[in-house]
Protein backbone atom coordinates (compact mmCIF):
# COMPACT_ATOMS: atom_id res chain seq x y z
CA UNK A 1 -1.93 -7.80 9.76
CA UNK A 2 0.11 -10.05 12.01
CA UNK A 3 -2.99 -11.88 13.26
CA UNK A 4 -4.16 -12.51 9.70
CA UNK A 5 -0.72 -13.80 8.71
CA UNK A 6 -0.48 -16.10 11.74
CA UNK A 7 -3.98 -17.56 11.44
CA UNK A 8 -3.76 -21.23 10.58
CA UNK A 9 0.02 -21.39 11.09
CA UNK A 10 1.40 -23.95 13.50
CA UNK A 11 2.92 -22.74 16.76
CA UNK A 12 6.34 -23.80 15.57
CA UNK A 13 6.13 -21.59 12.45
CA UNK A 14 4.70 -18.43 14.09
CA UNK A 15 8.11 -16.72 14.09
CA UNK A 16 8.64 -17.41 10.41
CA UNK A 17 5.18 -16.05 9.56
CA UNK A 18 5.84 -12.91 11.61
CA UNK A 19 9.23 -12.43 9.95
CA UNK A 20 7.77 -12.78 6.47
CA UNK A 21 5.08 -10.20 7.27
CA UNK A 22 7.61 -7.76 8.72
CA UNK A 23 9.96 -8.13 5.77
CA UNK A 24 7.17 -7.82 3.22
CA UNK A 25 5.87 -4.70 4.95
CA UNK A 26 9.31 -3.08 4.87
CA UNK A 27 9.94 -3.97 1.23
CA UNK A 28 6.48 -2.72 0.27
CA UNK A 29 7.09 0.59 2.01
CA UNK A 30 10.45 1.06 0.26
CA UNK A 31 9.11 0.19 -3.18
CA UNK A 32 6.00 2.31 -2.67
CA UNK A 33 8.04 5.32 -1.60
CA UNK A 34 10.36 4.91 -4.59
CA UNK A 35 7.39 4.86 -6.96
CA UNK A 36 5.88 7.97 -5.35
CA UNK A 37 9.18 9.85 -5.57
CA UNK A 38 9.50 8.80 -9.21
CA UNK A 39 6.00 10.14 -9.92
CA UNK A 40 6.68 13.38 -8.06
CA UNK A 41 9.94 14.01 -9.92
CA UNK A 42 8.73 13.07 -13.40
CA UNK A 43 9.09 15.96 -15.81
CA UNK A 44 11.51 18.01 -13.69
CA UNK A 45 14.68 17.15 -15.64
CA UNK A 46 16.57 20.20 -16.80
CA UNK A 47 14.16 22.68 -15.24
CA UNK A 48 15.03 25.40 -12.77
CA UNK A 49 13.39 28.24 -10.93
CA UNK A 50 9.65 28.69 -11.27
CA UNK A 51 9.31 26.02 -13.98
CA UNK A 52 10.89 23.47 -11.64
CA UNK A 53 8.55 24.44 -8.77
CA UNK A 54 5.48 24.12 -11.01
CA UNK A 55 6.61 20.74 -12.36
CA UNK A 56 7.32 19.53 -8.82
CA UNK A 57 3.87 20.63 -7.61
CA UNK A 58 2.24 18.82 -10.54
CA UNK A 59 4.30 15.71 -9.79
CA UNK A 60 3.27 15.78 -6.14
CA UNK A 61 -0.36 16.12 -7.23
CA UNK A 62 0.08 13.05 -9.44
CA UNK A 63 1.60 11.13 -6.52
CA UNK A 64 -1.33 12.09 -4.27
CA UNK A 65 -3.80 10.90 -6.92
CA UNK A 66 -1.86 7.62 -7.14
CA UNK A 67 -2.14 7.21 -3.36
CA UNK A 68 -5.89 7.89 -3.51
CA UNK A 69 -6.29 5.37 -6.33
CA UNK A 70 -4.35 2.77 -4.32
CA UNK A 71 -6.57 3.33 -1.30
CA UNK A 72 -9.69 2.97 -3.45
CA UNK A 73 -8.44 -0.25 -5.07
CA UNK A 74 -7.52 -1.67 -1.65
CA UNK A 75 -10.98 -0.82 -0.31
CA UNK A 76 -12.69 -2.47 -3.27
CA UNK A 77 -10.56 -5.59 -2.89
CA UNK A 78 -11.24 -5.72 0.86
CA UNK A 79 -14.99 -5.41 0.32
CA UNK A 80 -14.93 -8.10 -2.36
CA UNK A 81 -12.71 -10.61 -0.56
CA UNK A 82 -14.17 -10.45 2.95
CA UNK A 83 -16.20 -13.44 4.07
CA UNK A 84 -19.78 -12.88 5.22
CA UNK A 85 -20.66 -13.62 8.82
CA UNK A 86 -22.71 -16.70 9.48
CA UNK A 87 -25.95 -15.77 11.16
CA UNK A 88 -27.21 -18.16 13.82
CA UNK A 89 -30.37 -20.04 12.99
CA UNK A 90 -33.26 -19.15 15.32
CA UNK A 91 -35.10 -22.11 16.82
């Protein structure tokens, strides 16, 4: 991640590029965790006992499916965006 962010950046701006990547990574982790907790807790308001445990388990299942969907979307984007290798011409 850091190599990709620093590629093409001048030596003088390497620190800024690294700082932006670090900050973005931290913010992304915080926002992602907040969304997953929101999904896991959806539908648990006012419940208690066994109903609360069932609703929590269903919410966690939803959060896991969201994680799996995010991984799949990331994989598809990575496969679409990557640049093909140039093959050397045989002489």
